[in-house]
């Protein structure tokens, strides 16, 4: 049984054909995307999840209109989730640069469209995690009792700053908003220890094992090894699996988690239990 915290279905509503700012990602993840492309139809995509016993799959909207003139619309994500049924869990995407317009859009997306979280890739908004433009959205998430997904790692969009996703910035946010439920994903590289420290300090911070090959957690010198040590001990209840399909092929990503030296109950927390609790499913 798994819950995939991050997936982009191969359907037109989720296409990224106009995203020139992500061109470097296509170079970095080239081999993984080729492997994932073997499941290139929606039917094959669903069959792969069926084979792995996927109970829920999280899909996310994005609004980058101010910075990059592009979005995956909340309405499209909500329509997809309605069509596919409760297996798919939709997150809203809003643009913090739009001020209170974004706050109202988030409320509409949750109360009227039925979306169940907020997705903010702050580097794509050219804002730091702790930029005060984000604060009204964080407050609204608490009011609506929904989680927020925050990009918290290196990014490969070289027209924006890597520093926008630094985990230490999340510490300030959590001091100001201790009730905020956060999943920081990808998991912090090259500041992995920093993200672990923030999660250790703040009980509402979870770490998304997203867009990184799980096998690297057991490779000496990779920079990801601390996630294995802390993720099977003090943070075992706060590691959340996401395939980042199509950046990563689904089955390979799950198999690599299954190969990690984890107690079986911890592995099930990573693959299923932690996400179910975080998402309140």
C-alpha atoms as a PDB file:
ATOM      1  CA  UNK A   1       0.000   0.000   0.000  1.00  0.00           C
ATOM      2  CA  UNK A   2       1.374   3.430  -0.955  1.00  0.00           C
ATOM      3  CA  UNK A   3       0.374   7.069  -1.135  1.00  0.00           C
ATOM      4  CA  UNK A   4       2.280   9.036  -3.769  1.00  0.00           C
ATOM      5  CA  UNK A   5       2.675  12.601  -2.523  1.00  0.00           C
ATOM      6  CA  UNK A   6       3.755  14.000  -5.887  1.00  0.00           C
ATOM      7  CA  UNK A   7       2.748  12.952  -9.391  1.00  0.00           C
ATOM      8  CA  UNK A   8       1.946  14.711 -12.663  1.00  0.00           C
ATOM      9  CA  UNK A   9      -0.476  12.654 -14.748  1.00  0.00           C
ATOM     10  CA  UNK A  10       0.151  12.350 -18.508  1.00  0.00           C
ATOM     11  CA  UNK A  11      -2.936  14.349 -19.478  1.00  0.00           C
ATOM     12  CA  UNK A  12      -3.139  17.785 -21.172  1.00  0.00           C
ATOM     13  CA  UNK A  13      -4.158  19.706 -18.020  1.00  0.00           C
ATOM     14  CA  UNK A  14      -0.775  18.923 -16.416  1.00  0.00           C
ATOM     15  CA  UNK A  15       1.437  19.491 -19.473  1.00  0.00           C
ATOM     16  CA  UNK A  16       4.553  21.649 -19.023  1.00  0.00           C
ATOM     17  CA  UNK A  17       5.310  22.317 -22.680  1.00  0.00           C
ATOM     18  CA  UNK A  18       5.498  26.106 -22.189  1.00  0.00           C
ATOM     19  CA  UNK A  19       7.829  26.075 -19.174  1.00  0.00           C
ATOM     20  CA  UNK A  20      11.110  27.293 -20.657  1.00  0.00           C
ATOM     21  CA  UNK A  21      12.427  28.197 -17.187  1.00  0.00           C
ATOM     22  CA  UNK A  22      12.529  24.455 -16.375  1.00  0.00           C
ATOM     23  CA  UNK A  23      14.706  23.504 -19.330  1.00  0.00           C
ATOM     24  CA  UNK A  24      17.648  22.695 -17.068  1.00  0.00           C
ATOM     25  CA  UNK A  25      15.476  20.128 -15.245  1.00  0.00           C
ATOM     26  CA  UNK A  26      15.060  18.267 -18.509  1.00  0.00           C
ATOM     27  CA  UNK A  27      18.832  17.937 -18.694  1.00  0.00           C
ATOM     28  CA  UNK A  28      19.347  16.934 -15.051  1.00  0.00           C
ATOM     29  CA  UNK A  29      16.528  14.359 -15.028  1.00  0.00           C
ATOM     30  CA  UNK A  30      16.942  13.248 -18.633  1.00  0.00           C
ATOM     31  CA  UNK A  31      17.619   9.553 -17.989  1.00  0.00           C
ATOM     32  CA  UNK A  32      14.889   9.242 -15.341  1.00  0.00           C
ATOM     33  CA  UNK A  33      12.319  10.937 -17.560  1.00  0.00           C
ATOM     34  CA  UNK A  34      13.146   8.550 -20.394  1.00  0.00           C
ATOM     35  CA  UNK A  35      12.565   5.618 -18.064  1.00  0.00           C
ATOM     36  CA  UNK A  36       9.281   7.101 -16.863  1.00  0.00           C
ATOM     37  CA  UNK A  37       8.135   7.752 -20.430  1.00  0.00           C
ATOM     38  CA  UNK A  38       7.697   4.026 -20.928  1.00  0.00           C
ATOM     39  CA  UNK A  39       4.385   4.571 -19.121  1.00  0.00           C
ATOM     40  CA  UNK A  40       3.307   7.239 -21.568  1.00  0.00           C
ATOM     41  CA  UNK A  41      -0.462   6.719 -21.700  1.00  0.00           C
ATOM     42  CA  UNK A  42      -2.885   7.564 -18.931  1.00  0.00           C
ATOM     43  CA  UNK A  43      -4.113   3.980 -18.874  1.00  0.00           C
ATOM     44  CA  UNK A  44      -0.566   2.694 -18.324  1.00  0.00           C
ATOM     45  CA  UNK A  45      -0.036   5.355 -15.674  1.00  0.00           C
ATOM     46  CA  UNK A  46      -3.089   4.152 -13.742  1.00  0.00           C
ATOM     47  CA  UNK A  47      -2.111   0.507 -14.217  1.00  0.00           C
ATOM     48  CA  UNK A  48       1.305   1.191 -12.668  1.00  0.00           C
ATOM     49  CA  UNK A  49      -0.361   2.627  -9.569  1.00  0.00           C
ATOM     50  CA  UNK A  50      -2.786  -0.292  -9.419  1.00  0.00           C
ATOM     51  CA  UNK A  51       0.110  -2.751  -9.488  1.00  0.00           C
ATOM     52  CA  UNK A  52       1.730  -1.015  -6.504  1.00  0.00           C
ATOM     53  CA  UNK A  53      -1.468  -0.798  -4.479  1.00  0.00           C
ATOM     54  CA  UNK A  54      -1.672   3.000  -4.518  1.00  0.00           C
ATOM     55  CA  UNK A  55      -4.510   4.233  -2.324  1.00  0.00           C
ATOM     56  CA  UNK A  56      -4.050   7.948  -3.041  1.00  0.00           C
ATOM     57  CA  UNK A  57      -2.082  10.091  -5.491  1.00  0.00           C
ATOM     58  CA  UNK A  58      -1.461  13.795  -4.877  1.00  0.00           C
ATOM     59  CA  UNK A  59      -1.605  16.127  -7.877  1.00  0.00           C
ATOM     60  CA  UNK A  60      -0.752  19.811  -7.650  1.00  0.00           C
ATOM     61  CA  UNK A  61      -1.739  23.034  -9.374  1.00  0.00           C
ATOM     62  CA  UNK A  62       0.754  25.882  -9.930  1.00  0.00           C
ATOM     63  CA  UNK A  63       0.268  29.570 -10.713  1.00  0.00           C
ATOM     64  CA  UNK A  64       3.378  31.271 -12.099  1.00  0.00           C
ATOM     65  CA  UNK A  65       1.631  33.934 -14.139  1.00  0.00           C
ATOM     66  CA  UNK A  66       3.511  36.893 -12.628  1.00  0.00           C
ATOM     67  CA  UNK A  67       6.992  35.451 -13.090  1.00  0.00           C
ATOM     68  CA  UNK A  68       6.781  32.994 -15.985  1.00  0.00           C
ATOM     69  CA  UNK A  69       3.346  33.491 -17.544  1.00  0.00           C
ATOM     70  CA  UNK A  70       2.217  29.910 -16.991  1.00  0.00           C
ATOM     71  CA  UNK A  71       0.033  27.829 -14.714  1.00  0.00           C
ATOM     72  CA  UNK A  72      -1.655  24.512 -14.030  1.00  0.00           C
ATOM     73  CA  UNK A  73      -5.100  25.834 -13.153  1.00  0.00           C
ATOM     74  CA  UNK A  74      -6.900  25.022  -9.921  1.00  0.00           C
ATOM     75  CA  UNK A  75     -10.086  24.465 -11.897  1.00  0.00           C
ATOM     76  CA  UNK A  76      -8.384  21.867 -14.099  1.00  0.00           C
ATOM     77  CA  UNK A  77      -6.889  20.007 -11.139  1.00  0.00           C
ATOM     78  CA  UNK A  78     -10.235  20.013  -9.332  1.00  0.00           C
ATOM     79  CA  UNK A  79     -12.039  18.764 -12.444  1.00  0.00           C
ATOM     80  CA  UNK A  80      -9.481  15.980 -12.866  1.00  0.00           C
ATOM     81  CA  UNK A  81      -9.907  14.889  -9.233  1.00  0.00           C
ATOM     82  CA  UNK A  82     -13.698  14.902  -9.540  1.00  0.00           C
ATOM     83  CA  UNK A  83     -13.522  12.838 -12.717  1.00  0.00           C
ATOM     84  CA  UNK A  84     -11.067  10.299 -11.293  1.00  0.00           C
ATOM     85  CA  UNK A  85     -12.639  10.038  -7.852  1.00  0.00           C
ATOM     86  CA  UNK A  86     -11.265  10.191  -4.296  1.00  0.00           C
ATOM     87  CA  UNK A  87      -8.064   8.325  -5.166  1.00  0.00           C
ATOM     88  CA  UNK A  88      -6.630  11.623  -6.435  1.00  0.00           C
ATOM     89  CA  UNK A  89      -6.012  14.426  -3.925  1.00  0.00           C
ATOM     90  CA  UNK A  90      -5.622  17.903  -5.402  1.00  0.00           C
ATOM     91  CA  UNK A  91      -3.503  20.778  -4.101  1.00  0.00           C
ATOM     92  CA  UNK A  92      -4.199  24.362  -5.134  1.00  0.00           C
ATOM     93  CA  UNK A  93      -1.611  26.625  -6.695  1.00  0.00           C
ATOM     94  CA  UNK A  94      -1.720  30.408  -6.258  1.00  0.00           C
ATOM     95  CA  UNK A  95       0.704  33.243  -6.999  1.00  0.00           C
ATOM     96  CA  UNK A  96       1.873  35.071  -3.832  1.00  0.00           C
ATOM     97  CA  UNK A  97       2.895  38.029  -5.990  1.00  0.00           C
ATOM     98  CA  UNK A  98      -0.823  38.705  -6.547  1.00  0.00           C
ATOM     99  CA  UNK A  99      -1.352  39.617  -2.887  1.00  0.00           C
ATOM    100  CA  UNK A 100      -4.887  39.271  -1.548  1.00  0.00           C
ATOM    101  CA  UNK A 101      -6.097  38.012  -4.921  1.00  0.00           C
ATOM    102  CA  UNK A 102      -4.057  34.873  -4.229  1.00  0.00           C
ATOM    103  CA  UNK A 103      -5.531  34.536  -0.734  1.00  0.00           C
ATOM    104  CA  UNK A 104      -9.068  34.728  -2.122  1.00  0.00           C
ATOM    105  CA  UNK A 105      -8.193  32.260  -4.880  1.00  0.00           C
ATOM    106  CA  UNK A 106      -6.910  29.810  -2.274  1.00  0.00           C
ATOM    107  CA  UNK A 107     -10.102  30.084  -0.247  1.00  0.00           C
ATOM    108  CA  UNK A 108     -12.186  29.518  -3.386  1.00  0.00           C
ATOM    109  CA  UNK A 109     -10.051  26.537  -4.413  1.00  0.00           C
ATOM    110  CA  UNK A 110     -10.565  24.845  -1.055  1.00  0.00           C
ATOM    111  CA  UNK A 111     -14.124  25.820  -0.145  1.00  0.00           C
ATOM    112  CA  UNK A 112     -15.672  25.722  -3.628  1.00  0.00           C
ATOM    113  CA  UNK A 113     -13.443  23.478  -5.757  1.00  0.00           C
ATOM    114  CA  UNK A 114     -12.640  20.922  -3.075  1.00  0.00           C
ATOM    115  CA  UNK A 115      -8.832  21.079  -3.240  1.00  0.00           C
ATOM    116  CA  UNK A 116      -7.104  19.904  -0.077  1.00  0.00           C
ATOM    117  CA  UNK A 117      -3.747  21.671   0.213  1.00  0.00           C
ATOM    118  CA  UNK A 118      -1.565  24.470  -1.157  1.00  0.00           C
ATOM    119  CA  UNK A 119       1.442  23.989  -3.427  1.00  0.00           C
ATOM    120  CA  UNK A 120       4.106  26.727  -3.419  1.00  0.00           C
ATOM    121  CA  UNK A 121       7.290  26.351  -5.447  1.00  0.00           C
ATOM    122  CA  UNK A 122       8.752  29.567  -4.069  1.00  0.00           C
ATOM    123  CA  UNK A 123      11.737  29.698  -6.427  1.00  0.00           C
ATOM    124  CA  UNK A 124       9.271  29.902  -9.330  1.00  0.00           C
ATOM    125  CA  UNK A 125       7.674  32.950  -7.708  1.00  0.00           C
ATOM    126  CA  UNK A 126      11.166  34.431  -7.178  1.00  0.00           C
ATOM    127  CA  UNK A 127      10.381  34.664  -3.470  1.00  0.00           C
ATOM    128  CA  UNK A 128      12.042  33.161  -0.424  1.00  0.00           C
ATOM    129  CA  UNK A 129      10.094  30.771   1.798  1.00  0.00           C
ATOM    130  CA  UNK A 130      10.028  33.439   4.521  1.00  0.00           C
ATOM    131  CA  UNK A 131       9.136  36.376   2.259  1.00  0.00           C
ATOM    132  CA  UNK A 132       6.354  38.328   3.907  1.00  0.00           C
ATOM    133  CA  UNK A 133       4.262  38.040   0.731  1.00  0.00           C
ATOM    134  CA  UNK A 134       3.848  34.403   1.717  1.00  0.00           C
ATOM    135  CA  UNK A 135       2.540  35.108   5.204  1.00  0.00           C
ATOM    136  CA  UNK A 136      -1.128  35.808   4.342  1.00  0.00           C
ATOM    137  CA  UNK A 137      -1.207  32.456   2.539  1.00  0.00           C
ATOM    138  CA  UNK A 138       0.319  30.637   5.494  1.00  0.00           C
ATOM    139  CA  UNK A 139      -2.279  32.206   7.775  1.00  0.00           C
ATOM    140  CA  UNK A 140      -5.063  31.200   5.374  1.00  0.00           C
ATOM    141  CA  UNK A 141      -3.787  27.597   5.321  1.00  0.00           C
ATOM    142  CA  UNK A 142      -4.118  27.475   9.106  1.00  0.00           C
ATOM    143  CA  UNK A 143      -7.597  28.994   8.937  1.00  0.00           C
ATOM    144  CA  UNK A 144      -8.675  26.456   6.281  1.00  0.00           C
ATOM    145  CA  UNK A 145      -6.901  23.624   8.122  1.00  0.00           C
ATOM    146  CA  UNK A 146      -4.969  22.511   5.038  1.00  0.00           C
ATOM    147  CA  UNK A 147      -1.295  21.580   4.577  1.00  0.00           C
ATOM    148  CA  UNK A 148       1.199  23.419   2.403  1.00  0.00           C
ATOM    149  CA  UNK A 149       3.816  21.897   0.130  1.00  0.00           C
ATOM    150  CA  UNK A 150       6.989  24.025  -0.006  1.00  0.00           C
ATOM    151  CA  UNK A 151       9.892  23.524  -2.382  1.00  0.00           C
ATOM    152  CA  UNK A 152      12.823  23.293   0.016  1.00  0.00           C
ATOM    153  CA  UNK A 153      15.983  22.347  -1.861  1.00  0.00           C
ATOM    154  CA  UNK A 154      18.230  23.203  -4.765  1.00  0.00           C
ATOM    155  CA  UNK A 155      16.427  24.163  -7.957  1.00  0.00           C
ATOM    156  CA  UNK A 156      17.722  23.930 -11.506  1.00  0.00           C
ATOM    157  CA  UNK A 157      15.909  26.952 -12.951  1.00  0.00           C
ATOM    158  CA  UNK A 158      18.941  29.182 -13.430  1.00  0.00           C
ATOM    159  CA  UNK A 159      16.837  32.314 -13.991  1.00  0.00           C
ATOM    160  CA  UNK A 160      15.927  32.299 -10.287  1.00  0.00           C
ATOM    161  CA  UNK A 161      17.918  31.894  -7.072  1.00  0.00           C
ATOM    162  CA  UNK A 162      18.813  28.629  -5.367  1.00  0.00           C
ATOM    163  CA  UNK A 163      18.711  30.426  -2.004  1.00  0.00           C
ATOM    164  CA  UNK A 164      14.918  30.874  -2.214  1.00  0.00           C
ATOM    165  CA  UNK A 165      14.498  27.239  -1.120  1.00  0.00           C
ATOM    166  CA  UNK A 166      16.957  27.165   1.754  1.00  0.00           C
ATOM    167  CA  UNK A 167      15.547  25.168   4.716  1.00  0.00           C
ATOM    168  CA  UNK A 168      16.802  27.620   7.361  1.00  0.00           C
ATOM    169  CA  UNK A 169      14.269  30.129   6.019  1.00  0.00           C
ATOM    170  CA  UNK A 170      11.502  27.706   6.943  1.00  0.00           C
ATOM    171  CA  UNK A 171      12.554  27.907  10.589  1.00  0.00           C
ATOM    172  CA  UNK A 172      11.453  31.557  10.764  1.00  0.00           C
ATOM    173  CA  UNK A 173       8.120  30.678   9.157  1.00  0.00           C
ATOM    174  CA  UNK A 174       7.474  27.951  11.720  1.00  0.00           C
ATOM    175  CA  UNK A 175       8.371  30.248  14.623  1.00  0.00           C
ATOM    176  CA  UNK A 176       5.695  32.652  13.364  1.00  0.00           C
ATOM    177  CA  UNK A 177       3.188  29.952  12.317  1.00  0.00           C
ATOM    178  CA  UNK A 178       3.683  26.917  14.576  1.00  0.00           C
ATOM    179  CA  UNK A 179       0.277  25.479  13.595  1.00  0.00           C
ATOM    180  CA  UNK A 180       1.176  25.398   9.885  1.00  0.00           C
ATOM    181  CA  UNK A 181       1.396  21.855   8.473  1.00  0.00           C
ATOM    182  CA  UNK A 182       4.330  21.800   6.045  1.00  0.00           C
ATOM    183  CA  UNK A 183       5.843  19.205   3.770  1.00  0.00           C
ATOM    184  CA  UNK A 184       9.276  20.416   2.659  1.00  0.00           C
ATOM    185  CA  UNK A 185      10.097  18.753  -0.633  1.00  0.00           C
ATOM    186  CA  UNK A 186      12.484  17.874  -2.257  1.00  0.00           C
ATOM    187  CA  UNK A 187      14.434  16.947   0.871  1.00  0.00           C
ATOM    188  CA  UNK A 188      16.830  19.826   1.341  1.00  0.00           C
ATOM    189  CA  UNK A 189      19.914  19.155  -0.785  1.00  0.00           C
ATOM    190  CA  UNK A 190      22.536  20.633  -0.439  1.00  0.00           C
ATOM    191  CA  UNK A 191      21.286  21.676   3.026  1.00  0.00           C
ATOM    192  CA  UNK A 192      20.054  18.260   4.198  1.00  0.00           C
ATOM    193  CA  UNK A 193      21.313  18.667   7.767  1.00  0.00           C
ATOM    194  CA  UNK A 194      19.660  22.083   7.904  1.00  0.00           C
ATOM    195  CA  UNK A 195      16.283  20.647   6.908  1.00  0.00           C
ATOM    196  CA  UNK A 196      16.637  17.827   9.421  1.00  0.00           C
ATOM    197  CA  UNK A 197      17.341  20.434  12.102  1.00  0.00           C
ATOM    198  CA  UNK A 198      14.248  22.446  11.170  1.00  0.00           C
ATOM    199  CA  UNK A 199      12.070  19.311  11.229  1.00  0.00           C
ATOM    200  CA  UNK A 200      13.562  18.248  14.559  1.00  0.00           C
ATOM    201  CA  UNK A 201      12.740  21.689  16.020  1.00  0.00           C
ATOM    202  CA  UNK A 202       9.211  21.911  14.606  1.00  0.00           C
ATOM    203  CA  UNK A 203       6.806  18.985  14.935  1.00  0.00           C
ATOM    204  CA  UNK A 204       4.588  20.169  12.068  1.00  0.00           C
ATOM    205  CA  UNK A 205       7.395  20.011   9.482  1.00  0.00           C
ATOM    206  CA  UNK A 206       7.493  16.882   7.329  1.00  0.00           C
ATOM    207  CA  UNK A 207      10.127  15.999   4.742  1.00  0.00           C
ATOM    208  CA  UNK A 208       9.072  14.907   1.269  1.00  0.00           C
ATOM    209  CA  UNK A 209      11.307  12.267  -0.275  1.00  0.00           C
ATOM    210  CA  UNK A 210      10.469  13.649  -3.708  1.00  0.00           C
ATOM    211  CA  UNK A 211      12.475  14.100  -6.932  1.00  0.00           C
ATOM    212  CA  UNK A 212      15.513  12.230  -5.586  1.00  0.00           C
ATOM    213  CA  UNK A 213      16.426   8.590  -6.107  1.00  0.00           C
ATOM    214  CA  UNK A 214      15.916   6.855  -2.740  1.00  0.00           C
ATOM    215  CA  UNK A 215      18.979   4.689  -3.298  1.00  0.00           C
ATOM    216  CA  UNK A 216      21.182   7.728  -2.681  1.00  0.00           C
ATOM    217  CA  UNK A 217      20.140   7.713   0.982  1.00  0.00           C
ATOM    218  CA  UNK A 218      22.408   4.699   1.445  1.00  0.00           C
ATOM    219  CA  UNK A 219      25.280   5.912  -0.777  1.00  0.00           C
ATOM    220  CA  UNK A 220      28.242   7.292   1.183  1.00  0.00           C
ATOM    221  CA  UNK A 221      29.133  10.828   0.165  1.00  0.00           C
ATOM    222  CA  UNK A 222      25.858  11.512  -1.653  1.00  0.00           C
ATOM    223  CA  UNK A 223      24.794  14.148   0.876  1.00  0.00           C
ATOM    224  CA  UNK A 224      21.492  12.364   1.478  1.00  0.00           C
ATOM    225  CA  UNK A 225      22.731   9.803   4.040  1.00  0.00           C
ATOM    226  CA  UNK A 226      21.493  11.787   7.098  1.00  0.00           C
ATOM    227  CA  UNK A 227      17.918  11.333   5.860  1.00  0.00           C
ATOM    228  CA  UNK A 228      18.267   7.590   6.303  1.00  0.00           C
ATOM    229  CA  UNK A 229      19.736   7.853   9.794  1.00  0.00           C
ATOM    230  CA  UNK A 230      17.250  10.407  11.120  1.00  0.00           C
ATOM    231  CA  UNK A 231      14.384   9.146   8.975  1.00  0.00           C
ATOM    232  CA  UNK A 232      14.459   5.737  10.616  1.00  0.00           C
ATOM    233  CA  UNK A 233      14.846   7.148  14.133  1.00  0.00           C
ATOM    234  CA  UNK A 234      13.671  10.513  15.472  1.00  0.00           C
ATOM    235  CA  UNK A 235      11.958  11.616  12.209  1.00  0.00           C
ATOM    236  CA  UNK A 236      10.475   8.273  11.196  1.00  0.00           C
ATOM    237  CA  UNK A 237       6.946   9.703  11.508  1.00  0.00           C
ATOM    238  CA  UNK A 238       7.681  12.622   9.191  1.00  0.00           C
ATOM    239  CA  UNK A 239       9.202  11.250   5.989  1.00  0.00           C
ATOM    240  CA  UNK A 240       6.725  11.235   3.082  1.00  0.00           C
ATOM    241  CA  UNK A 241       7.224   9.430  -0.225  1.00  0.00           C
ATOM    242  CA  UNK A 242       6.561  11.127  -3.555  1.00  0.00           C
ATOM    243  CA  UNK A 243       7.627   9.779  -6.932  1.00  0.00           C
ATOM    244  CA  UNK A 244       7.715  13.153  -8.734  1.00  0.00           C
ATOM    245  CA  UNK A 245       6.530  11.248 -11.808  1.00  0.00           C
ATOM    246  CA  UNK A 246       7.477  11.822 -14.636  1.00  0.00           C
ATOM    247  CA  UNK A 247      10.801  13.119 -13.279  1.00  0.00           C
ATOM    248  CA  UNK A 248      11.200   9.660 -11.732  1.00  0.00           C
ATOM    249  CA  UNK A 249       9.730   6.322 -12.872  1.00  0.00           C
ATOM    250  CA  UNK A 250       7.193   5.200 -10.311  1.00  0.00           C
ATOM    251  CA  UNK A 251       8.011   1.516  -9.865  1.00  0.00           C
ATOM    252  CA  UNK A 252      11.776   2.066  -9.677  1.00  0.00           C
ATOM    253  CA  UNK A 253      11.341   4.730  -7.002  1.00  0.00           C
ATOM    254  CA  UNK A 254       9.182   2.476  -4.830  1.00  0.00           C
ATOM    255  CA  UNK A 255      11.551  -0.476  -5.277  1.00  0.00           C
ATOM    256  CA  UNK A 256      14.491   1.654  -4.162  1.00  0.00           C
ATOM    257  CA  UNK A 257      12.660   2.542  -0.937  1.00  0.00           C
ATOM    258  CA  UNK A 258      11.915  -1.144  -0.428  1.00  0.00           C
ATOM    259  CA  UNK A 259      15.646  -1.859  -0.757  1.00  0.00           C
ATOM    260  CA  UNK A 260      16.699   0.630   1.943  1.00  0.00           C
ATOM    261  CA  UNK A 261      17.794  -0.773   5.333  1.00  0.00           C
ATOM    262  CA  UNK A 262      14.597   0.127   7.179  1.00  0.00           C
ATOM    263  CA  UNK A 263      12.446  -1.732   9.661  1.00  0.00           C
ATOM    264  CA  UNK A 264       9.260  -2.752   7.873  1.00  0.00           C
ATOM    265  CA  UNK A 265       7.027  -0.621  10.082  1.00  0.00           C
ATOM    266  CA  UNK A 266       9.189   2.427   9.300  1.00  0.00           C
ATOM    267  CA  UNK A 267       9.096   1.679   5.570  1.00  0.00           C
ATOM    268  CA  UNK A 268       5.292   1.586   5.703  1.00  0.00           C
ATOM    269  CA  UNK A 269       5.282   4.947   7.467  1.00  0.00           C
ATOM    270  CA  UNK A 270       7.387   6.438   4.676  1.00  0.00           C
ATOM    271  CA  UNK A 271       5.321   4.926   1.874  1.00  0.00           C
ATOM    272  CA  UNK A 272       1.852   5.295   3.354  1.00  0.00           C
ATOM    273  CA  UNK A 273       1.155   6.084   7.001  1.00  0.00           C
ATOM    274  CA  UNK A 274       2.890   9.445   7.325  1.00  0.00           C
ATOM    275  CA  UNK A 275       1.215  10.851   4.213  1.00  0.00           C
ATOM    276  CA  UNK A 276      -2.191   9.587   5.309  1.00  0.00           C
ATOM    277  CA  UNK A 277      -1.852  11.363   8.641  1.00  0.00           C
ATOM    278  CA  UNK A 278      -0.354  14.543   7.136  1.00  0.00           C
ATOM    279  CA  UNK A 279      -3.121  14.786   4.532  1.00  0.00           C
ATOM    280  CA  UNK A 280      -5.792  13.746   7.053  1.00  0.00           C
ATOM    281  CA  UNK A 281      -7.217  11.143   4.718  1.00  0.00           C
END
